[in-house]
Protein backbone atom coordinates (compact mmCIF):
# COMPACT_ATOMS: atom_id res chain seq x y z
CA MET A 1 111.13 110.03 124.14
CA ALA A 2 108.23 112.16 122.95
CA ALA A 3 104.72 110.83 123.43
CA SER A 4 102.88 110.18 120.22
CA LYS A 5 99.84 112.32 119.67
CA LYS A 6 96.74 110.36 118.75
CA GLN A 7 94.28 111.79 116.27
CA LEU A 8 90.54 111.19 116.29
CA LYS A 9 89.54 109.49 113.05
CA THR A 10 86.24 108.30 111.61
CA CYS A 11 85.95 105.28 109.30
CA SER A 12 83.55 104.97 106.38
CA ASN A 13 81.13 103.09 108.66
CA GLY A 14 80.99 106.01 111.09
CA HIS A 15 83.11 104.49 113.88
CA HIS A 16 85.26 106.98 115.80
CA PHE A 17 88.71 105.88 116.95
CA TYR A 18 92.10 107.32 117.87
CA LYS A 19 95.31 106.51 115.97
CA SER A 20 98.83 107.85 116.34
CA SER A 21 99.83 106.69 112.86
CA ASP A 22 98.51 107.16 109.34
CA CYS A 23 97.06 103.64 109.39
CA PRO A 24 93.43 103.90 108.22
CA THR A 25 92.32 100.58 109.74
CA CYS A 26 89.36 101.01 112.07
CA PRO A 27 89.70 98.79 115.16
CA VAL A 28 85.92 98.45 115.49
CA CYS A 29 85.53 97.26 111.88
CA GLU A 30 88.53 94.99 112.37
CA ARG A 31 86.90 93.28 115.37
CA GLU A 32 83.61 92.92 113.47
CA ASN A 33 85.35 91.38 110.43
CA LYS A 34 87.61 88.98 112.37
CA THR A 35 87.49 85.50 110.89
CA GLU A 36 86.44 82.90 113.46
CA SER A 37 87.39 79.76 111.54
CA GLY A 38 89.53 78.59 108.66
CA PHE A 39 93.17 79.24 107.97
CA LEU A 40 92.77 83.03 108.03
CA SER A 41 91.75 82.84 111.70
CA LEU A 42 95.24 81.50 112.52
CA LEU A 43 96.94 84.69 111.34
CA SER A 44 97.55 88.09 112.85
CA ALA A 45 95.32 90.89 111.58
CA PRO A 46 98.05 92.43 109.34
CA ALA A 47 98.85 89.04 107.77
CA ARG A 48 95.16 88.25 107.24
CA ARG A 49 94.56 91.65 105.65
CA ALA A 50 97.61 91.15 103.41
CA LEU A 51 96.18 87.94 101.99
CA GLU A 52 92.65 89.32 101.67
CA HIS A 53 93.95 92.46 99.96
CA ASN A 54 95.63 90.23 97.39
CA GLY A 55 92.48 88.17 96.82
CA ILE A 56 93.63 85.10 98.75
CA THR A 57 90.76 83.75 100.80
CA SER A 58 91.18 80.00 100.26
CA LEU A 59 93.99 77.49 100.57
CA ASP A 60 93.63 76.63 96.87
CA GLN A 61 94.33 80.26 96.02
CA LEU A 62 97.24 80.35 98.50
CA SER A 63 98.86 77.28 96.91
CA ALA A 64 99.26 79.22 93.64
CA TYR A 65 101.91 81.42 95.32
CA SER A 66 105.46 80.73 96.48
CA GLU A 67 106.55 81.54 100.02
CA LYS A 68 108.77 84.28 98.60
CA GLU A 69 105.78 85.88 96.84
CA ILE A 70 103.66 85.73 100.00
CA LEU A 71 106.41 87.40 102.04
CA GLN A 72 106.40 90.33 99.60
CA PHE A 73 102.86 91.29 100.67
CA HIS A 74 102.76 94.28 102.99
CA GLY A 75 101.80 93.01 106.45
CA MET A 76 102.98 89.44 105.93
CA GLY A 77 105.89 88.27 108.03
CA PRO A 78 107.92 85.06 108.36
CA ALA A 79 106.09 84.05 111.56
CA SER A 80 102.96 83.37 109.51
CA LEU A 81 104.60 80.91 107.11
CA PRO A 82 104.64 77.86 109.43
CA LYS A 83 100.92 78.30 110.09
CA LEU A 84 100.23 78.57 106.39
CA ARG A 85 102.44 75.58 105.54
CA THR A 86 100.60 73.46 108.12
CA ALA A 87 97.18 74.53 106.86
CA LEU A 88 98.17 73.70 103.29
CA SER A 89 99.70 70.31 104.18
CA GLU A 90 96.59 69.27 106.13
CA ILE A 91 94.62 69.22 102.87
CA GLY A 92 97.45 67.89 100.70
CA LEU A 93 98.59 71.20 99.22
CA ALA A 94 101.84 73.16 99.36
CA PHE A 95 103.24 76.50 98.28
CA LYS A 96 104.26 76.83 94.63
CA ASN A 97 107.95 76.06 94.08
């Protein structure tokens, strides 16, 4: 198996980092922007970014979507759904049917 060659990249904030893929996400910015509380803190970084990218930053906003719609977001996987269901049910909400 060939070793992947990492490329030095620079984000818009001036952080330098190496990536072997075309993914533009800066790991330094990602650590700085990590949510410490709330339902978004329960999710993996790709799942959190998927919701944020689609303008979902609250459970009220999340409840306007069906599970099927959420799974269509790039970065969102089925492992995140139980965490989201629990967070919604704790405040009396649920996914749209």
